[in-house]
Amino acid sequence: MTVAQQPQAATDPARLVKRSVVVAGHRTSVSLEDAFWAELRRVASARQSSMNALIAEIDAGRSGNLSSAIRVFLLLNRV
């Protein structure tokens, strides 16, 4: 099996994971790497908020793709 054919380990922070979230009362799916999901959970917890509420906040201020907006938000709000 070549490197390209090997499945990514479940603990790989670069593994892309698709999850369903609720934004403004509507279900949608978001694909992010595991590392971004972990950071999103951390930021939501630090704000005493849910991940859906934080994603809705990010969604309200975005101009492009939601997954990209989440990544940029997390990058700009590193503590």
C-alpha atoms as a PDB file:
ATOM      1  CA  MET A   1       0.000   0.000   0.000  1.00  0.00           C
ATOM      2  CA  THR A   2       1.432   3.385  -0.975  1.00  0.00           C
ATOM      3  CA  VAL A   3       1.394   6.405   1.325  1.00  0.00           C
ATOM      4  CA  ALA A   4      -1.454   7.930  -0.713  1.00  0.00           C
ATOM      5  CA  GLN A   5      -3.534   4.764  -0.278  1.00  0.00           C
ATOM      6  CA  GLN A   6      -3.055   4.410   3.488  1.00  0.00           C
ATOM      7  CA  PRO A   7      -6.048   5.481   5.560  1.00  0.00           C
ATOM      8  CA  GLN A   8      -5.425   8.319   7.986  1.00  0.00           C
ATOM      9  CA  ALA A   9      -5.359   7.330  11.640  1.00  0.00           C
ATOM     10  CA  ALA A  10      -8.273   8.422  13.796  1.00  0.00           C
ATOM     11  CA  THR A  11      -5.808  10.462  15.879  1.00  0.00           C
ATOM     12  CA  ASP A  12      -4.407  12.383  12.904  1.00  0.00           C
ATOM     13  CA  PRO A  13      -5.050  16.108  13.588  1.00  0.00           C
ATOM     14  CA  ALA A  14      -5.127  16.727   9.816  1.00  0.00           C
ATOM     15  CA  ARG A  15      -7.913  14.178   9.219  1.00  0.00           C
ATOM     16  CA  LEU A  16     -10.911  15.910   7.652  1.00  0.00           C
ATOM     17  CA  VAL A  17     -14.128  15.300   9.610  1.00  0.00           C
ATOM     18  CA  LYS A  18     -17.608  16.289   8.443  1.00  0.00           C
ATOM     19  CA  ARG A  19     -20.132  17.117  11.170  1.00  0.00           C
ATOM     20  CA  SER A  20     -23.711  18.346  11.200  1.00  0.00           C
ATOM     21  CA  VAL A  21     -24.318  21.627  13.000  1.00  0.00           C
ATOM     22  CA  VAL A  22     -27.318  23.894  13.486  1.00  0.00           C
ATOM     23  CA  VAL A  23     -26.871  27.479  12.299  1.00  0.00           C
ATOM     24  CA  ALA A  24     -29.760  29.937  12.557  1.00  0.00           C
ATOM     25  CA  GLY A  25     -32.170  27.049  13.068  1.00  0.00           C
ATOM     26  CA  HIS A  26     -31.001  25.157   9.981  1.00  0.00           C
ATOM     27  CA  ARG A  27     -28.920  21.981   9.852  1.00  0.00           C
ATOM     28  CA  THR A  28     -25.817  22.149   7.714  1.00  0.00           C
ATOM     29  CA  SER A  29     -22.622  20.165   7.488  1.00  0.00           C
ATOM     30  CA  VAL A  30     -19.146  21.511   8.086  1.00  0.00           C
ATOM     31  CA  SER A  31     -15.897  19.792   7.145  1.00  0.00           C
ATOM     32  CA  LEU A  32     -12.883  20.643   9.293  1.00  0.00           C
ATOM     33  CA  GLU A  33      -9.689  18.919  10.305  1.00  0.00           C
ATOM     34  CA  ASP A  34      -9.725  17.262  13.755  1.00  0.00           C
ATOM     35  CA  ALA A  35      -7.370  19.933  15.097  1.00  0.00           C
ATOM     36  CA  PHE A  36      -9.863  22.677  14.198  1.00  0.00           C
ATOM     37  CA  TRP A  37     -12.778  20.780  15.791  1.00  0.00           C
ATOM     38  CA  ALA A  38     -10.735  20.442  18.989  1.00  0.00           C
ATOM     39  CA  GLU A  39      -9.888  24.150  18.982  1.00  0.00           C
ATOM     40  CA  LEU A  40     -13.496  25.092  18.252  1.00  0.00           C
ATOM     41  CA  ARG A  41     -14.600  23.020  21.286  1.00  0.00           C
ATOM     42  CA  ARG A  42     -11.927  24.711  23.415  1.00  0.00           C
ATOM     43  CA  VAL A  43     -12.946  28.244  22.386  1.00  0.00           C
ATOM     44  CA  ALA A  44     -16.661  27.513  22.849  1.00  0.00           C
ATOM     45  CA  SER A  45     -15.985  26.115  26.312  1.00  0.00           C
ATOM     46  CA  ALA A  46     -13.812  29.098  27.259  1.00  0.00           C
ATOM     47  CA  ARG A  47     -16.686  31.399  26.226  1.00  0.00           C
ATOM     48  CA  GLN A  48     -19.173  29.204  28.095  1.00  0.00           C
ATOM     49  CA  SER A  49     -20.980  28.704  24.817  1.00  0.00           C
ATOM     50  CA  SER A  50     -21.994  25.778  22.651  1.00  0.00           C
ATOM     51  CA  MET A  51     -20.160  24.977  19.435  1.00  0.00           C
ATOM     52  CA  ASN A  52     -23.380  25.634  17.495  1.00  0.00           C
ATOM     53  CA  ALA A  53     -23.677  29.106  19.049  1.00  0.00           C
ATOM     54  CA  LEU A  54     -20.042  29.897  18.252  1.00  0.00           C
ATOM     55  CA  ILE A  55     -20.445  28.637  14.678  1.00  0.00           C
ATOM     56  CA  ALA A  56     -23.606  30.770  14.319  1.00  0.00           C
ATOM     57  CA  GLU A  57     -21.609  33.811  15.488  1.00  0.00           C
ATOM     58  CA  ILE A  58     -18.891  33.062  12.930  1.00  0.00           C
ATOM     59  CA  ASP A  59     -21.528  32.437  10.239  1.00  0.00           C
ATOM     60  CA  ALA A  60     -23.175  35.819  10.870  1.00  0.00           C
ATOM     61  CA  GLY A  61     -19.958  37.667  10.081  1.00  0.00           C
ATOM     62  CA  ARG A  62     -18.624  35.634   7.182  1.00  0.00           C
ATOM     63  CA  SER A  63     -18.431  36.509   3.531  1.00  0.00           C
ATOM     64  CA  GLY A  64     -17.247  33.186   2.092  1.00  0.00           C
ATOM     65  CA  ASN A  65     -17.163  29.480   2.843  1.00  0.00           C
ATOM     66  CA  LEU A  66     -18.192  28.556   6.423  1.00  0.00           C
ATOM     67  CA  SER A  67     -15.373  26.049   6.950  1.00  0.00           C
ATOM     68  CA  SER A  68     -12.813  28.633   5.871  1.00  0.00           C
ATOM     69  CA  ALA A  69     -14.446  31.306   8.038  1.00  0.00           C
ATOM     70  CA  ILE A  70     -14.175  29.006  11.067  1.00  0.00           C
ATOM     71  CA  ARG A  71     -10.492  28.318  10.391  1.00  0.00           C
ATOM     72  CA  VAL A  72      -9.713  32.037  10.005  1.00  0.00           C
ATOM     73  CA  PHE A  73     -11.727  32.913  13.131  1.00  0.00           C
ATOM     74  CA  LEU A  74      -9.778  30.358  15.146  1.00  0.00           C
ATOM     75  CA  LEU A  75      -6.471  31.566  13.744  1.00  0.00           C
ATOM     76  CA  LEU A  76      -7.248  35.190  14.575  1.00  0.00           C
ATOM     77  CA  ASN A  77      -8.591  34.362  18.048  1.00  0.00           C
ATOM     78  CA  ARG A  78      -5.752  32.190  19.346  1.00  0.00           C
ATOM     79  CA  VAL A  79      -5.085  32.723  23.028  1.00  0.00           C
END
